[in-house]
Amino acid sequence: MFSRLEATEQRYEELTAEMARPEISGDYEKLQAMAKDRASIEDVVVLYRAWTANGKGIEEARAVLGDSDPEMSALAKEELAQLTTDRVDIEDKLRRALVPKD
């Protein structure tokens, strides 16, 4: 699943870069088709990026858990609980976004 998400993100970036090229901006039909393709995968890319950022946040919170400062450790524990809950929600949304529309 994650290789598919990475490929989708890469395709999104390619489309974005291609649409910015001056020779493409003059071809309305091609630009419109590219914009439609890009829009069709945008939700998945946004969710994948949120999932990735969430994973980094979880790693950072886990690193702080072992901190000698009890206040920092407590804050990290709270943050980790919230990030874990958010991760489940993001994964659920990602699964639904990957289901074919028809």
PDB file of N, CA and C in Angstrom:
ATOM      1  N   MET A   1       0.818  -1.191   0.000  1.00  0.00           N
ATOM      2  CA  MET A   1       0.000   0.000   0.000  1.00  0.00           C
ATOM      3  C   MET A   1       0.864   1.258   0.000  1.00  0.00           C
ATOM      4  N   PHE A   2       1.948   1.254   0.772  1.00  0.00           N
ATOM      5  CA  PHE A   2       2.740   2.462   0.911  1.00  0.00           C
ATOM      6  C   PHE A   2       3.547   2.774  -0.341  1.00  0.00           C
ATOM      7  N   SER A   3       3.958   1.761  -1.078  1.00  0.00           N
ATOM      8  CA  SER A   3       4.654   2.033  -2.336  1.00  0.00           C
ATOM      9  C   SER A   3       3.680   2.681  -3.319  1.00  0.00           C
ATOM     10  N   ARG A   4       2.426   2.258  -3.261  1.00  0.00           N
ATOM     11  CA  ARG A   4       1.401   2.865  -4.112  1.00  0.00           C
ATOM     12  C   ARG A   4       1.189   4.328  -3.721  1.00  0.00           C
ATOM     13  N   LEU A   5       1.189   4.609  -2.436  1.00  0.00           N
ATOM     14  CA  LEU A   5       1.015   5.979  -1.967  1.00  0.00           C
ATOM     15  C   LEU A   5       2.201   6.850  -2.368  1.00  0.00           C
ATOM     16  N   GLU A   6       3.403   6.309  -2.251  1.00  0.00           N
ATOM     17  CA  GLU A   6       4.594   7.053  -2.668  1.00  0.00           C
ATOM     18  C   GLU A   6       4.551   7.349  -4.157  1.00  0.00           C
ATOM     19  N   ALA A   7       4.121   6.378  -4.945  1.00  0.00           N
ATOM     20  CA  ALA A   7       4.015   6.573  -6.392  1.00  0.00           C
ATOM     21  C   ALA A   7       2.951   7.623  -6.721  1.00  0.00           C
ATOM     22  N   THR A   8       1.870   7.615  -5.973  1.00  0.00           N
ATOM     23  CA  THR A   8       0.815   8.604  -6.186  1.00  0.00           C
ATOM     24  C   THR A   8       1.316   9.998  -5.847  1.00  0.00           C
ATOM     25  N   GLU A   9       2.067  10.110  -4.764  1.00  0.00           N
ATOM     26  CA  GLU A   9       2.637  11.408  -4.390  1.00  0.00           C
ATOM     27  C   GLU A   9       3.620  11.891  -5.458  1.00  0.00           C
ATOM     28  N   GLN A  10       4.430  10.985  -5.960  1.00  0.00           N
ATOM     29  CA  GLN A  10       5.390  11.348  -7.004  1.00  0.00           C
ATOM     30  C   GLN A  10       4.654  11.815  -8.266  1.00  0.00           C
ATOM     31  N   ARG A  11       3.588  11.115  -8.636  1.00  0.00           N
ATOM     32  CA  ARG A  11       2.784  11.505  -9.803  1.00  0.00           C
ATOM     33  C   ARG A  11       2.186  12.895  -9.598  1.00  0.00           C
ATOM     34  N   TYR A  12       1.719  13.163  -8.410  1.00  0.00           N
ATOM     35  CA  TYR A  12       1.149  14.468  -8.071  1.00  0.00           C
ATOM     36  C   TYR A  12       2.198  15.565  -8.261  1.00  0.00           C
ATOM     37  N   GLU A  13       3.405  15.320  -7.764  1.00  0.00           N
ATOM     38  CA  GLU A  13       4.489  16.294  -7.903  1.00  0.00           C
ATOM     39  C   GLU A  13       4.862  16.496  -9.375  1.00  0.00           C
ATOM     40  N   GLU A  14       4.900  15.403 -10.137  1.00  0.00           N
ATOM     41  CA  GLU A  14       5.210  15.497 -11.565  1.00  0.00           C
ATOM     42  C   GLU A  14       4.164  16.326 -12.296  1.00  0.00           C
ATOM     43  N   LEU A  15       2.902  16.081 -11.998  1.00  0.00           N
ATOM     44  CA  LEU A  15       1.828  16.843 -12.633  1.00  0.00           C
ATOM     45  C   LEU A  15       1.918  18.325 -12.261  1.00  0.00           C
ATOM     46  N   THR A  16       2.200  18.602 -11.010  1.00  0.00           N
ATOM     47  CA  THR A  16       2.321  19.981 -10.553  1.00  0.00           C
ATOM     48  C   THR A  16       3.449  20.692 -11.294  1.00  0.00           C
ATOM     49  N   ALA A  17       4.597  20.024 -11.404  1.00  0.00           N
ATOM     50  CA  ALA A  17       5.733  20.612 -12.102  1.00  0.00           C
ATOM     51  C   ALA A  17       5.440  20.797 -13.592  1.00  0.00           C
ATOM     52  N   GLU A  18       4.809  19.815 -14.183  1.00  0.00           N
ATOM     53  CA  GLU A  18       4.489  19.864 -15.611  1.00  0.00           C
ATOM     54  C   GLU A  18       3.508  20.999 -15.904  1.00  0.00           C
ATOM     55  N   MET A  19       2.528  21.174 -15.036  1.00  0.00           N
ATOM     56  CA  MET A  19       1.537  22.227 -15.239  1.00  0.00           C
ATOM     57  C   MET A  19       2.151  23.624 -15.132  1.00  0.00           C
ATOM     58  N   ALA A  20       3.260  23.741 -14.437  1.00  0.00           N
ATOM     59  CA  ALA A  20       3.912  25.037 -14.255  1.00  0.00           C
ATOM     60  C   ALA A  20       4.766  25.438 -15.459  1.00  0.00           C
ATOM     61  N   ARG A  21       5.024  24.506 -16.335  1.00  0.00           N
ATOM     62  CA  ARG A  21       5.854  24.808 -17.507  1.00  0.00           C
ATOM     63  C   ARG A  21       5.105  25.757 -18.442  1.00  0.00           C
ATOM     64  N   PRO A  22       5.781  26.768 -18.968  1.00  0.00           N
ATOM     65  CA  PRO A  22       5.124  27.758 -19.835  1.00  0.00           C
ATOM     66  C   PRO A  22       4.497  27.156 -21.093  1.00  0.00           C
ATOM     67  N   GLU A  23       5.140  26.163 -21.701  1.00  0.00           N
ATOM     68  CA  GLU A  23       4.585  25.591 -22.929  1.00  0.00           C
ATOM     69  C   GLU A  23       3.289  24.811 -22.674  1.00  0.00           C
ATOM     70  N   ILE A  24       3.103  24.333 -21.461  1.00  0.00           N
ATOM     71  CA  ILE A  24       1.875  23.622 -21.111  1.00  0.00           C
ATOM     72  C   ILE A  24       0.753  24.621 -20.817  1.00  0.00           C
ATOM     73  N   SER A  25       1.101  25.734 -20.195  1.00  0.00           N
ATOM     74  CA  SER A  25       0.065  26.702 -19.833  1.00  0.00           C
ATOM     75  C   SER A  25      -0.627  27.291 -21.065  1.00  0.00           C
ATOM     76  N   GLY A  26       0.013  27.215 -22.224  1.00  0.00           N
ATOM     77  CA  GLY A  26      -0.605  27.698 -23.456  1.00  0.00           C
ATOM     78  C   GLY A  26      -1.539  26.688 -24.100  1.00  0.00           C
ATOM     79  N   ASP A  27      -1.420  25.427 -23.710  1.00  0.00           N
ATOM     80  CA  ASP A  27      -2.267  24.367 -24.267  1.00  0.00           C
ATOM     81  C   ASP A  27      -3.391  24.075 -23.274  1.00  0.00           C
ATOM     82  N   TYR A  28      -4.512  24.762 -23.467  1.00  0.00           N
ATOM     83  CA  TYR A  28      -5.609  24.696 -22.510  1.00  0.00           C
ATOM     84  C   TYR A  28      -6.135  23.275 -22.316  1.00  0.00           C
ATOM     85  N   GLU A  29      -6.297  22.525 -23.380  1.00  0.00           N
ATOM     86  CA  GLU A  29      -6.844  21.172 -23.259  1.00  0.00           C
ATOM     87  C   GLU A  29      -5.921  20.262 -22.450  1.00  0.00           C
ATOM     88  N   LYS A  30      -4.630  20.348 -22.737  1.00  0.00           N
ATOM     89  CA  LYS A  30      -3.666  19.514 -22.007  1.00  0.00           C
ATOM     90  C   LYS A  30      -3.594  19.945 -20.541  1.00  0.00           C
ATOM     91  N   LEU A  31      -3.595  21.244 -20.316  1.00  0.00           N
ATOM     92  CA  LEU A  31      -3.558  21.762 -18.956  1.00  0.00           C
ATOM     93  C   LEU A  31      -4.796  21.329 -18.183  1.00  0.00           C
ATOM     94  N   GLN A  32      -5.944  21.366 -18.816  1.00  0.00           N
ATOM     95  CA  GLN A  32      -7.181  20.960 -18.169  1.00  0.00           C
ATOM     96  C   GLN A  32      -7.155  19.463 -17.814  1.00  0.00           C
ATOM     97  N   ALA A  33      -6.654  18.648 -18.729  1.00  0.00           N
ATOM     98  CA  ALA A  33      -6.570  17.209 -18.467  1.00  0.00           C
ATOM     99  C   ALA A  33      -5.612  16.921 -17.313  1.00  0.00           C
ATOM    100  N   MET A  34      -4.492  17.630 -17.292  1.00  0.00           N
ATOM    101  CA  MET A  34      -3.523  17.435 -16.205  1.00  0.00           C
ATOM    102  C   MET A  34      -4.103  17.897 -14.868  1.00  0.00           C
ATOM    103  N   ALA A  35      -4.813  19.008 -14.893  1.00  0.00           N
ATOM    104  CA  ALA A  35      -5.424  19.518 -13.664  1.00  0.00           C
ATOM    105  C   ALA A  35      -6.463  18.534 -13.132  1.00  0.00           C
ATOM    106  N   LYS A  36      -7.200  17.914 -14.030  1.00  0.00           N
ATOM    107  CA  LYS A  36      -8.195  16.927 -13.622  1.00  0.00           C
ATOM    108  C   LYS A  36      -7.518  15.701 -12.996  1.00  0.00           C
ATOM    109  N   ASP A  37      -6.434  15.236 -13.618  1.00  0.00           N
ATOM    110  CA  ASP A  37      -5.683  14.105 -13.060  1.00  0.00           C
ATOM    111  C   ASP A  37      -5.129  14.451 -11.679  1.00  0.00           C
ATOM    112  N   ARG A  38      -4.573  15.644 -11.567  1.00  0.00           N
ATOM    113  CA  ARG A  38      -3.980  16.084 -10.314  1.00  0.00           C
ATOM    114  C   ARG A  38      -5.049  16.185  -9.226  1.00  0.00           C
ATOM    115  N   ALA A  39      -6.191  16.738  -9.559  1.00  0.00           N
ATOM    116  CA  ALA A  39      -7.276  16.876  -8.588  1.00  0.00           C
ATOM    117  C   ALA A  39      -7.803  15.521  -8.126  1.00  0.00           C
ATOM    118  N   SER A  40      -7.758  14.535  -9.017  1.00  0.00           N
ATOM    119  CA  SER A  40      -8.282  13.216  -8.662  1.00  0.00           C
ATOM    120  C   SER A  40      -7.430  12.500  -7.609  1.00  0.00           C
ATOM    121  N   ILE A  41      -6.175  12.881  -7.484  1.00  0.00           N
ATOM    122  CA  ILE A  41      -5.295  12.225  -6.504  1.00  0.00           C
ATOM    123  C   ILE A  41      -4.906  13.143  -5.339  1.00  0.00           C
ATOM    124  N   GLU A  42      -5.362  14.374  -5.390  1.00  0.00           N
ATOM    125  CA  GLU A  42      -4.951  15.350  -4.378  1.00  0.00           C
ATOM    126  C   GLU A  42      -5.350  14.944  -2.963  1.00  0.00           C
ATOM    127  N   ASP A  43      -6.562  14.456  -2.766  1.00  0.00           N
ATOM    128  CA  ASP A  43      -7.002  14.053  -1.424  1.00  0.00           C
ATOM    129  C   ASP A  43      -6.115  12.949  -0.848  1.00  0.00           C
ATOM    130  N   VAL A  44      -5.772  11.989  -1.685  1.00  0.00           N
ATOM    131  CA  VAL A  44      -4.918  10.882  -1.240  1.00  0.00           C
ATOM    132  C   VAL A  44      -3.541  11.406  -0.852  1.00  0.00           C
ATOM    133  N   VAL A  45      -2.999  12.308  -1.644  1.00  0.00           N
ATOM    134  CA  VAL A  45      -1.668  12.863  -1.365  1.00  0.00           C
ATOM    135  C   VAL A  45      -1.684  13.659  -0.063  1.00  0.00           C
ATOM    136  N   VAL A  46      -2.708  14.454   0.150  1.00  0.00           N
ATOM    137  CA  VAL A  46      -2.814  15.239   1.385  1.00  0.00           C
ATOM    138  C   VAL A  46      -2.873  14.306   2.597  1.00  0.00           C
ATOM    139  N   LEU A  47      -3.661  13.255   2.495  1.00  0.00           N
ATOM    140  CA  LEU A  47      -3.759  12.290   3.603  1.00  0.00           C
ATOM    141  C   LEU A  47      -2.448  11.548   3.821  1.00  0.00           C
ATOM    142  N   TYR A  48      -1.781  11.179   2.740  1.00  0.00           N
ATOM    143  CA  TYR A  48      -0.500  10.474   2.860  1.00  0.00           C
ATOM    144  C   TYR A  48       0.539  11.368   3.531  1.00  0.00           C
ATOM    145  N   ARG A  49       0.554  12.623   3.146  1.00  0.00           N
ATOM    146  CA  ARG A  49       1.496  13.562   3.773  1.00  0.00           C
ATOM    147  C   ARG A  49       1.177  13.758   5.250  1.00  0.00           C
ATOM    148  N   ALA A  50      -0.104  13.800   5.589  1.00  0.00           N
ATOM    149  CA  ALA A  50      -0.504  13.907   7.000  1.00  0.00           C
ATOM    150  C   ALA A  50      -0.067  12.664   7.766  1.00  0.00           C
ATOM    151  N   TRP A  51      -0.225  11.499   7.138  1.00  0.00           N
ATOM    152  CA  TRP A  51       0.183  10.239   7.760  1.00  0.00           C
ATOM    153  C   TRP A  51       1.695  10.229   8.012  1.00  0.00           C
ATOM    154  N   THR A  52       2.451  10.695   7.021  1.00  0.00           N
ATOM    155  CA  THR A  52       3.908  10.750   7.144  1.00  0.00           C
ATOM    156  C   THR A  52       4.329  11.705   8.264  1.00  0.00           C
ATOM    157  N   ALA A  53       3.727  12.889   8.292  1.00  0.00           N
ATOM    158  CA  ALA A  53       4.046  13.868   9.336  1.00  0.00           C
ATOM    159  C   ALA A  53       3.660  13.327  10.711  1.00  0.00           C
ATOM    160  N   ASN A  54       2.555  12.627  10.778  1.00  0.00           N
ATOM    161  CA  ASN A  54       2.115  12.018  12.025  1.00  0.00           C
ATOM    162  C   ASN A  54       3.148  11.000  12.512  1.00  0.00           C
ATOM    163  N   GLY A  55       3.662  10.196  11.597  1.00  0.00           N
ATOM    164  CA  GLY A  55       4.681   9.202  11.952  1.00  0.00           C
ATOM    165  C   GLY A  55       5.934   9.851  12.514  1.00  0.00           C
ATOM    166  N   LYS A  56       6.336  10.961  11.917  1.00  0.00           N
ATOM    167  CA  LYS A  56       7.505  11.685  12.423  1.00  0.00           C
ATOM    168  C   LYS A  56       7.225  12.238  13.819  1.00  0.00           C
ATOM    169  N   GLY A  57       6.011  12.739  14.029  1.00  0.00           N
ATOM    170  CA  GLY A  57       5.631  13.251  15.337  1.00  0.00           C
ATOM    171  C   GLY A  57       5.646  12.155  16.397  1.00  0.00           C
ATOM    172  N   ILE A  58       5.195  10.973  16.019  1.00  0.00           N
ATOM    173  CA  ILE A  58       5.208   9.840  16.945  1.00  0.00           C
ATOM    174  C   ILE A  58       6.649   9.477  17.315  1.00  0.00           C
ATOM    175  N   GLU A  59       7.527   9.447  16.327  1.00  0.00           N
ATOM    176  CA  GLU A  59       8.941   9.148  16.600  1.00  0.00           C
ATOM    177  C   GLU A  59       9.545  10.171  17.559  1.00  0.00           C
ATOM    178  N   GLU A  60       9.244  11.444  17.312  1.00  0.00           N
ATOM    179  CA  GLU A  60       9.786  12.506  18.166  1.00  0.00           C
ATOM    180  C   GLU A  60       9.235  12.404  19.589  1.00  0.00           C
ATOM    181  N   ALA A  61       7.950  12.125  19.716  1.00  0.00           N
ATOM    182  CA  ALA A  61       7.347  11.995  21.052  1.00  0.00           C
ATOM    183  C   ALA A  61       7.940  10.810  21.801  1.00  0.00           C
ATOM    184  N   ARG A  62       8.162   9.707  21.094  1.00  0.00           N
ATOM    185  CA  ARG A  62       8.777   8.538  21.741  1.00  0.00           C
ATOM    186  C   ARG A  62      10.190   8.846  22.209  1.00  0.00           C
ATOM    187  N   ALA A  63      10.902   9.659  21.446  1.00  0.00           N
ATOM    188  CA  ALA A  63      12.268  10.016  21.828  1.00  0.00           C
ATOM    189  C   ALA A  63      12.272  10.851  23.110  1.00  0.00           C
ATOM    190  N   VAL A  64      11.266  11.683  23.285  1.00  0.00           N
ATOM    191  CA  VAL A  64      11.195  12.546  24.459  1.00  0.00           C
ATOM    192  C   VAL A  64      10.678  11.795  25.686  1.00  0.00           C
ATOM    193  N   LEU A  65       9.998  10.681  25.480  1.00  0.00           N
ATOM    194  CA  LEU A  65       9.461   9.920  26.618  1.00  0.00           C
ATOM    195  C   LEU A  65      10.528   9.562  27.641  1.00  0.00           C
ATOM    196  N   GLY A  66      11.711   9.268  27.189  1.00  0.00           N
ATOM    197  CA  GLY A  66      12.785   8.887  28.094  1.00  0.00           C
ATOM    198  C   GLY A  66      13.512  10.074  28.698  1.00  0.00           C
ATOM    199  N   ASP A  67      13.010  11.272  28.485  1.00  0.00           N
ATOM    200  CA  ASP A  67      13.650  12.484  28.989  1.00  0.00           C
ATOM    201  C   ASP A  67      13.680  12.469  30.513  1.00  0.00           C
ATOM    202  N   SER A  68      14.740  13.034  31.075  1.00  0.00           N
ATOM    203  CA  SER A  68      14.874  13.053  32.532  1.00  0.00           C
ATOM    204  C   SER A  68      13.911  14.054  33.178  1.00  0.00           C
ATOM    205  N   ASP A  69      13.423  15.004  32.414  1.00  0.00           N
ATOM    206  CA  ASP A  69      12.463  15.989  32.931  1.00  0.00           C
ATOM    207  C   ASP A  69      11.073  15.365  32.950  1.00  0.00           C
ATOM    208  N   PRO A  70      10.487  15.194  34.134  1.00  0.00           N
ATOM    209  CA  PRO A  70       9.178  14.533  34.221  1.00  0.00           C
ATOM    210  C   PRO A  70       8.064  15.298  33.487  1.00  0.00           C
ATOM    211  N   GLU A  71       8.142  16.625  33.467  1.00  0.00           N
ATOM    212  CA  GLU A  71       7.126  17.414  32.763  1.00  0.00           C
ATOM    213  C   GLU A  71       7.181  17.161  31.262  1.00  0.00           C
ATOM    214  N   MET A  72       8.388  17.132  30.708  1.00  0.00           N
ATOM    215  CA  MET A  72       8.550  16.876  29.283  1.00  0.00           C
ATOM    216  C   MET A  72       8.086  15.466  28.939  1.00  0.00           C
ATOM    217  N   SER A  73       8.414  14.537  29.797  1.00  0.00           N
ATOM    218  CA  SER A  73       8.003  13.153  29.582  1.00  0.00           C
ATOM    219  C   SER A  73       6.477  13.023  29.620  1.00  0.00           C
ATOM    220  N   ALA A  74       5.836  13.734  30.539  1.00  0.00           N
ATOM    221  CA  ALA A  74       4.377  13.702  30.639  1.00  0.00           C
ATOM    222  C   ALA A  74       3.734  14.326  29.406  1.00  0.00           C
ATOM    223  N   LEU A  75       4.304  15.450  28.947  1.00  0.00           N
ATOM    224  CA  LEU A  75       3.793  16.096  27.735  1.00  0.00           C
ATOM    225  C   LEU A  75       3.948  15.176  26.526  1.00  0.00           C
ATOM    226  N   ALA A  76       5.089  14.517  26.455  1.00  0.00           N
ATOM    227  CA  ALA A  76       5.334  13.594  25.335  1.00  0.00           C
ATOM    228  C   ALA A  76       4.348  12.434  25.380  1.00  0.00           C
ATOM    229  N   LYS A  77       4.021  11.963  26.567  1.00  0.00           N
ATOM    230  CA  LYS A  77       3.064  10.858  26.707  1.00  0.00           C
ATOM    231  C   LYS A  77       1.684  11.287  26.211  1.00  0.00           C
ATOM    232  N   GLU A  78       1.267  12.501  26.576  1.00  0.00           N
ATOM    233  CA  GLU A  78      -0.018  13.028  26.116  1.00  0.00           C
ATOM    234  C   GLU A  78      -0.021  13.197  24.591  1.00  0.00           C
ATOM    235  N   GLU A  79       1.062  13.757  24.089  1.00  0.00           N
ATOM    236  CA  GLU A  79       1.165  13.974  22.645  1.00  0.00           C
ATOM    237  C   GLU A  79       1.161  12.647  21.894  1.00  0.00           C
ATOM    238  N   LEU A  80       1.857  11.668  22.434  1.00  0.00           N
ATOM    239  CA  LEU A  80       1.900  10.354  21.800  1.00  0.00           C
ATOM    240  C   LEU A  80       0.508   9.719  21.744  1.00  0.00           C
ATOM    241  N   ALA A  81      -0.249   9.870  22.812  1.00  0.00           N
ATOM    242  CA  ALA A  81      -1.612   9.325  22.828  1.00  0.00           C
ATOM    243  C   ALA A  81      -2.464  10.006  21.754  1.00  0.00           C
ATOM    244  N   GLN A  82      -2.353  11.324  21.638  1.00  0.00           N
ATOM    245  CA  GLN A  82      -3.130  12.053  20.630  1.00  0.00           C
ATOM    246  C   GLN A  82      -2.690  11.690  19.221  1.00  0.00           C
ATOM    247  N   LEU A  83      -1.388  11.616  19.013  1.00  0.00           N
ATOM    248  CA  LEU A  83      -0.872  11.271  17.687  1.00  0.00           C
ATOM    249  C   LEU A  83      -1.274   9.854  17.274  1.00  0.00           C
ATOM    250  N   THR A  84      -1.296   8.957  18.221  1.00  0.00           N
ATOM    251  CA  THR A  84      -1.701   7.579  17.929  1.00  0.00           C
ATOM    252  C   THR A  84      -3.173   7.527  17.528  1.00  0.00           C
ATOM    253  N   THR A  85      -4.000   8.280  18.226  1.00  0.00           N
ATOM    254  CA  THR A  85      -5.420   8.365  17.874  1.00  0.00           C
ATOM    255  C   THR A  85      -5.589   8.981  16.487  1.00  0.00           C
ATOM    256  N   ASP A  86      -4.843  10.055  16.236  1.00  0.00           N
ATOM    257  CA  ASP A  86      -4.905  10.715  14.926  1.00  0.00           C
ATOM    258  C   ASP A  86      -4.464   9.768  13.815  1.00  0.00           C
ATOM    259  N   ARG A  87      -3.453   8.970  14.100  1.00  0.00           N
ATOM    260  CA  ARG A  87      -2.912   8.048  13.086  1.00  0.00           C
ATOM    261  C   ARG A  87      -3.982   7.037  12.645  1.00  0.00           C
ATOM    262  N   VAL A  88      -4.718   6.512  13.602  1.00  0.00           N
ATOM    263  CA  VAL A  88      -5.788   5.562  13.281  1.00  0.00           C
ATOM    264  C   VAL A  88      -6.820   6.245  12.386  1.00  0.00           C
ATOM    265  N   ASP A  89      -7.170   7.475  12.715  1.00  0.00           N
ATOM    266  CA  ASP A  89      -8.142   8.232  11.928  1.00  0.00           C
ATOM    267  C   ASP A  89      -7.622   8.491  10.506  1.00  0.00           C
ATOM    268  N   ILE A  90      -6.375   8.891  10.399  1.00  0.00           N
ATOM    269  CA  ILE A  90      -5.779   9.160   9.085  1.00  0.00           C
ATOM    270  C   ILE A  90      -5.732   7.881   8.248  1.00  0.00           C
ATOM    271  N   GLU A  91      -5.334   6.774   8.869  1.00  0.00           N
ATOM    272  CA  GLU A  91      -5.271   5.500   8.140  1.00  0.00           C
ATOM    273  C   GLU A  91      -6.650   5.080   7.644  1.00  0.00           C
ATOM    274  N   ASP A  92      -7.666   5.318   8.446  1.00  0.00           N
ATOM    275  CA  ASP A  92      -9.030   4.992   8.035  1.00  0.00           C
ATOM    276  C   ASP A  92      -9.438   5.849   6.833  1.00  0.00           C
ATOM    277  N   LYS A  93      -9.151   7.123   6.892  1.00  0.00           N
ATOM    278  CA  LYS A  93      -9.472   8.021   5.779  1.00  0.00           C
ATOM    279  C   LYS A  93      -8.689   7.639   4.515  1.00  0.00           C
ATOM    280  N   LEU A  94      -7.437   7.249   4.706  1.00  0.00           N
ATOM    281  CA  LEU A  94      -6.620   6.829   3.562  1.00  0.00           C
ATOM    282  C   LEU A  94      -7.202   5.581   2.900  1.00  0.00           C
ATOM    283  N   ARG A  95      -7.602   4.613   3.700  1.00  0.00           N
ATOM    284  CA  ARG A  95      -8.202   3.398   3.137  1.00  0.00           C
ATOM    285  C   ARG A  95      -9.448   3.729   2.326  1.00  0.00           C
ATOM    286  N   ARG A  96     -10.281   4.613   2.877  1.00  0.00           N
ATOM    287  CA  ARG A  96     -11.494   4.999   2.152  1.00  0.00           C
ATOM    288  C   ARG A  96     -11.167   5.776   0.887  1.00  0.00           C
ATOM    289  N   ALA A  97     -10.140   6.588   0.924  1.00  0.00           N
ATOM    290  CA  ALA A  97      -9.756   7.381  -0.253  1.00  0.00           C
ATOM    291  C   ALA A  97      -9.182   6.505  -1.350  1.00  0.00           C
ATOM    292  N   LEU A  98      -8.610   5.367  -0.983  1.00  0.00           N
ATOM    293  CA  LEU A  98      -8.003   4.479  -1.974  1.00  0.00           C
ATOM    294  C   LEU A  98      -9.015   3.526  -2.620  1.00  0.00           C
ATOM    295  N   VAL A  99     -10.196   3.436  -2.050  1.00  0.00           N
ATOM    296  CA  VAL A  99     -11.229   2.583  -2.642  1.00  0.00           C
ATOM    297  C   VAL A  99     -11.689   3.220  -3.944  1.00  0.00           C
ATOM    298  N   PRO A 100     -11.754   2.425  -5.031  1.00  0.00           N
ATOM    299  CA  PRO A 100     -12.208   2.993  -6.301  1.00  0.00           C
ATOM    300  C   PRO A 100     -13.597   3.623  -6.161  1.00  0.00           C
ATOM    301  N   LYS A 101     -13.776   4.735  -6.842  1.00  0.00           N
ATOM    302  CA  LYS A 101     -15.019   5.511  -6.694  1.00  0.00           C
ATOM    303  C   LYS A 101     -16.236   4.797  -7.244  1.00  0.00           C
ATOM    304  N   ASP A 102     -16.075   3.976  -8.257  1.00  0.00           N
ATOM    305  CA  ASP A 102     -17.223   3.271  -8.811  1.00  0.00           C
ATOM    306  C   ASP A 102     -17.285   1.904  -8.207  1.00  0.00           C
TER     307      ASP A 102
END
